Amino acid sequence: MDHTAPTADERLIVALDVPDALSGLKLVERIGDAAGFYKIGLGMLTGGGLALANELKLEHGKRIFLDMKLFDIGATVEAAVRGLAQFELDFLTVHGDPHVVRAAKEGAGASGMRILAVTVLTSLDRDDLDAGLTRAGDVSEIVAERAARALEAGADGVIASPQEASRIRALPEAEGRLIVTPGVRPVGADLGDQKRIATPAAAIAAGADHVVVGRPIWRADDPRGAAQAIGAELRSPQAMRANG
């Protein structure tokens, strides 16, 4: 049965960061028609995540973002993506290294699954990049450079924090491509493990096409009400882009 209402704002992607598929399905049922797009990540992979993705897509009419952040040699990435493409999901993440992006696009083939490249994880700041031996420089500058290279390699879009969305949107390579922003928190929400954040309205105004929200929804006493409130914020004047 399709519980997705046509009024659900699909710019909101709800992250199902719960332990297993049963918990995820219960959360989707609680949210009901307030959301039509869901993210299933690596943390649920061994808890039935792929089965849940398939069920939500085929039986509930939801759109699905599979957040696997794949990284490996090209042949392995291509094979993994080819296998995932059979599920007819909507978005899949890979790391933004050009060889990974090219392999993922080859694996996706003619399917409708869009390949989104991870630039710099929104849980990381400059200290984290230093610890990982990433070159010196401003984080937003590195994100923009990685985004440009991933888009040149054929990515359908990128994952980036709201703080970098406007810079990426201004790139010539970003024309017609997607920007999806995690690290989004409504005003007053706990920051959790995110370091580079913004409100949902600010992220859309900065150039994002979709915002990903997890804990502020699934930890809420009323997840459906929380999703509805974010949807209303996305339709508010504060979410309008400067160029319309």
Protein backbone atom coordinates (compact mmCIF):
# COMPACT_ATOMS: atom_id res chain seq x y z
CA MET A 1 0.00 0.00 0.00
CA ASP A 2 1.32 3.43 -0.93
CA HIS A 3 1.27 5.77 2.06
CA THR A 4 3.05 8.63 0.30
CA ALA A 5 0.89 11.72 -0.02
CA PRO A 6 1.45 13.96 -3.03
CA THR A 7 2.04 16.83 -0.60
CA ALA A 8 5.11 15.18 0.98
CA ASP A 9 8.08 17.46 0.27
CA GLU A 10 10.67 15.12 -1.24
CA ARG A 11 13.43 17.65 -0.71
CA LEU A 12 13.40 16.16 2.80
CA ILE A 13 15.18 12.81 3.02
CA VAL A 14 14.65 11.08 6.36
CA ALA A 15 17.68 9.11 7.53
CA LEU A 16 16.63 5.74 8.93
CA ASP A 17 19.60 5.54 11.30
CA VAL A 18 18.01 2.79 13.38
CA PRO A 19 19.44 -0.67 14.15
CA ASP A 20 17.43 -2.91 11.86
CA ALA A 21 14.80 -3.15 9.15
CA LEU A 22 11.93 -3.80 11.56
CA SER A 23 12.71 -0.60 13.49
CA GLY A 24 13.01 1.24 10.20
CA LEU A 25 9.66 0.02 8.94
CA LYS A 26 7.95 0.98 12.19
CA LEU A 27 9.45 4.48 11.95
CA VAL A 28 8.27 4.87 8.35
CA GLU A 29 4.77 3.84 9.43
CA ARG A 30 4.81 6.42 12.24
CA ILE A 31 5.89 9.17 9.85
CA GLY A 32 3.24 8.13 7.34
CA ASP A 33 2.50 10.65 4.59
CA ALA A 34 4.79 13.34 6.05
CA ALA A 35 7.81 12.03 4.12
CA GLY A 36 8.32 10.23 0.84
CA PHE A 37 12.12 9.87 0.63
CA TYR A 38 14.29 7.78 2.99
CA LYS A 39 18.00 7.15 3.45
CA ILE A 40 19.29 3.72 4.42
CA GLY A 41 22.92 3.66 5.42
CA LEU A 42 25.78 1.31 6.08
CA GLY A 43 24.82 0.89 9.73
CA MET A 44 21.68 -1.03 8.74
CA LEU A 45 23.30 -3.14 6.04
CA THR A 46 23.60 -6.24 8.24
CA GLY A 47 20.20 -5.53 9.81
CA GLY A 48 18.18 -6.07 6.65
CA GLY A 49 18.79 -2.69 5.04
CA LEU A 50 18.63 -3.84 1.44
CA ALA A 51 15.44 -5.80 2.07
CA LEU A 52 13.90 -2.74 3.72
CA ALA A 53 14.95 -0.53 0.81
CA ASN A 54 13.26 -2.92 -1.61
CA GLU A 55 10.09 -3.14 0.49
CA LEU A 56 9.77 0.62 0.92
CA LYS A 57 10.30 1.15 -2.80
CA LEU A 58 8.00 -1.55 -4.15
CA GLU A 59 5.28 -1.82 -1.50
CA HIS A 60 5.13 1.69 -0.04
CA GLY A 61 6.03 3.81 -3.03
CA LYS A 62 8.90 5.59 -1.27
CA ARG A 63 12.03 6.96 -2.89
CA ILE A 64 15.24 5.47 -1.53
CA PHE A 65 18.73 6.86 -0.98
CA LEU A 66 21.19 4.03 -0.33
CA ASP A 67 24.11 5.58 1.53
CA MET A 68 26.92 3.06 1.17
CA LYS A 69 29.84 5.45 0.45
CA LEU A 70 31.53 2.81 -1.70
CA PHE A 71 35.29 2.93 -2.16
CA ASP A 72 37.49 0.30 -3.81
CA ILE A 73 39.31 -0.44 -7.03
CA GLY A 74 37.29 0.38 -10.13
CA ALA A 75 36.32 -3.16 -11.09
CA THR A 76 34.98 -3.91 -7.61
CA VAL A 77 32.98 -0.68 -7.41
CA GLU A 78 31.52 -1.28 -10.86
CA ALA A 79 30.44 -4.81 -9.91
CA ALA A 80 28.90 -3.67 -6.61
CA VAL A 81 26.95 -0.87 -8.25
CA ARG A 82 25.74 -3.14 -11.03
CA GLY A 83 24.34 -5.47 -8.39
CA LEU A 84 22.64 -2.64 -6.51
CA ALA A 85 21.17 -1.14 -9.68
CA GLN A 86 18.81 -4.11 -10.02
CA PHE A 87 16.82 -2.81 -7.03
CA GLU A 88 15.82 0.35 -8.95
CA LEU A 89 16.70 2.63 -6.07
CA ASP A 90 17.04 6.38 -6.50
CA PHE A 91 20.38 7.55 -5.05
CA LEU A 92 23.62 5.74 -4.19
CA THR A 93 26.71 7.29 -2.61
CA VAL A 94 30.31 6.55 -3.49
CA HIS A 95 33.49 8.33 -2.48
CA GLY A 96 34.27 11.23 -4.78
CA ASP A 97 37.59 10.01 -6.16
CA PRO A 98 37.25 10.23 -9.95
CA HIS A 99 38.15 6.58 -10.58
CA VAL A 100 35.43 5.49 -8.14
CA VAL A 101 32.83 7.78 -9.70
CA ARG A 102 33.60 6.59 -13.23
CA ALA A 103 33.35 2.95 -12.18
CA ALA A 104 30.07 3.57 -10.35
CA LYS A 105 28.53 5.28 -13.36
CA GLU A 106 29.57 2.33 -15.52
CA GLY A 107 27.96 -0.05 -13.04
CA ALA A 108 24.74 1.98 -12.86
CA GLY A 109 24.40 1.72 -16.63
CA ALA A 110 20.98 2.68 -17.95
CA SER A 111 19.27 2.31 -14.59
CA GLY A 112 17.69 5.37 -13.02
CA MET A 113 19.91 5.18 -9.96
CA ARG A 114 21.84 8.41 -9.51
CA ILE A 115 25.43 8.33 -8.30
CA LEU A 116 26.24 10.90 -5.63
CA ALA A 117 29.85 11.59 -4.70
CA VAL A 118 30.97 12.15 -1.12
CA THR A 119 33.30 15.15 -0.83
CA VAL A 120 34.34 15.54 2.84
CA LEU A 121 32.23 13.90 5.54
CA THR A 122 30.18 16.45 7.47
CA SER A 123 31.45 14.99 10.76
CA LEU A 124 35.00 16.13 9.90
CA ASP A 125 36.74 19.45 10.44
CA ARG A 126 40.26 20.72 9.70
CA ASP A 127 41.78 18.89 12.68
CA ASP A 128 40.32 15.62 11.40
CA LEU A 129 41.71 16.24 7.93
CA ASP A 130 45.14 16.96 9.39
CA ALA A 131 45.00 13.67 11.30
CA GLY A 132 44.17 11.89 8.04
CA LEU A 133 47.06 13.57 6.20
CA THR A 134 44.74 15.50 3.89
CA ARG A 135 46.52 18.45 2.31
CA ALA A 136 46.48 21.83 4.01
CA GLY A 137 43.79 24.35 3.10
CA ASP A 138 40.33 25.58 3.94
CA VAL A 139 37.79 22.74 4.27
CA SER A 140 35.24 24.43 2.01
CA GLU A 141 37.90 24.93 -0.67
CA ILE A 142 38.85 21.25 -0.56
CA VAL A 143 35.18 20.24 -0.72
CA ALA A 144 34.59 22.43 -3.77
CA GLU A 145 37.64 21.02 -5.55
CA ARG A 146 36.63 17.44 -4.80
CA ALA A 147 33.09 18.20 -5.96
CA ALA A 148 34.30 19.66 -9.25
CA ARG A 149 36.48 16.63 -9.96
CA ALA A 150 33.71 14.19 -9.10
CA LEU A 151 31.23 16.02 -11.32
CA GLU A 152 33.76 16.08 -14.16
CA ALA A 153 34.05 12.31 -13.75
CA GLY A 154 30.30 11.97 -14.31
CA ALA A 155 28.68 12.06 -10.85
CA ASP A 156 25.00 12.95 -10.92
CA GLY A 157 25.50 15.03 -7.80
CA VAL A 158 27.49 15.44 -4.63
CA ILE A 159 27.10 15.12 -0.89
CA ALA A 160 28.34 18.18 0.97
CA SER A 161 27.60 20.10 4.13
CA PRO A 162 25.21 23.06 3.95
CA GLN A 163 28.17 25.36 4.53
CA GLU A 164 29.63 24.41 1.14
CA ALA A 165 26.41 24.15 -0.87
CA SER A 166 26.51 27.69 -2.26
CA ARG A 167 30.13 27.34 -3.32
CA ILE A 168 29.42 24.08 -5.11
CA ARG A 169 26.23 25.42 -6.71
CA ALA A 170 28.32 28.18 -8.28
CA LEU A 171 30.64 25.70 -10.00
CA PRO A 172 30.15 25.42 -13.79
CA GLU A 173 30.30 21.62 -13.38
CA ALA A 174 27.33 21.72 -10.97
CA GLU A 175 24.80 22.97 -13.50
CA GLY A 176 21.93 20.49 -13.61
CA ARG A 177 23.51 18.29 -10.93
CA LEU A 178 22.23 17.47 -7.45
CA ILE A 179 23.52 18.72 -4.12
CA VAL A 180 22.40 16.67 -1.13
CA THR A 181 23.21 17.96 2.34
CA PRO A 182 23.47 15.96 5.54
CA GLY A 183 24.50 17.88 8.65
CA VAL A 184 21.08 19.56 8.74
CA ARG A 185 19.53 20.38 12.09
CA PRO A 186 16.35 22.33 12.84
CA VAL A 187 16.81 25.23 15.25
CA GLY A 188 17.27 23.94 18.80
CA ALA A 189 18.16 20.38 17.78
CA ASP A 190 21.13 18.53 19.27
CA LEU A 191 24.17 18.69 16.97
CA GLY A 192 25.14 15.04 17.57
CA ASP A 193 28.34 14.12 15.71
CA GLN A 194 27.94 16.76 13.02
CA LYS A 195 30.35 19.70 12.94
CA ARG A 196 29.45 21.57 9.74
CA ILE A 197 25.71 22.21 9.96
CA ALA A 198 22.83 24.52 9.02
CA THR A 199 19.05 24.62 9.31
CA PRO A 200 16.96 22.96 6.58
CA ALA A 201 15.82 26.31 5.17
CA ALA A 202 19.38 27.69 5.11
CA ALA A 203 20.65 24.59 3.29
CA ILE A 204 18.03 24.90 0.54
CA ALA A 205 18.61 28.65 0.25
CA ALA A 206 22.32 27.96 -0.16
CA GLY A 207 21.74 25.72 -3.17
CA ALA A 208 20.93 22.24 -1.87
CA ASP A 209 18.32 20.14 -3.68
CA HIS A 210 17.72 17.77 -0.76
CA VAL A 211 18.40 17.85 2.97
CA VAL A 212 18.99 14.72 5.04
CA VAL A 213 17.61 14.73 8.58
CA GLY A 214 17.85 11.82 11.00
CA ARG A 215 17.93 12.17 14.77
CA PRO A 216 15.69 15.26 15.03
CA ILE A 217 12.95 13.14 13.45
CA TRP A 218 13.47 9.61 14.72
CA ARG A 219 14.23 10.74 18.27
CA ALA A 220 11.18 12.98 18.40
CA ASP A 221 8.15 11.99 20.46
CA ASP A 222 6.12 12.65 17.32
CA PRO A 223 8.26 11.76 14.26
CA ARG A 224 5.43 12.58 11.86
CA GLY A 225 4.99 16.03 13.38
CA ALA A 226 8.76 16.63 13.26
CA ALA A 227 8.87 15.72 9.57
CA GLN A 228 5.88 17.93 8.84
CA ALA A 229 7.55 20.87 10.61
CA ILE A 230 10.70 20.46 8.50
CA GLY A 231 8.60 20.23 5.34
CA ALA A 232 6.90 23.48 6.29
CA GLU A 233 10.28 25.11 6.86
CA LEU A 234 11.44 24.00 3.41
CA ARG A 235 8.44 25.81 1.91
CA SER A 236 9.02 28.97 3.95
CA PRO A 237 10.43 32.26 2.58
CA GLN A 238 13.68 31.52 4.45
CA ALA A 239 14.31 28.63 2.04
CA MET A 240 14.10 30.80 -1.07
CA ARG A 241 17.31 31.11 -3.08
CA ALA A 242 18.61 34.56 -3.88
CA ASN A 243 18.28 33.88 -7.62
CA GLY A 244 14.78 32.44 -7.21
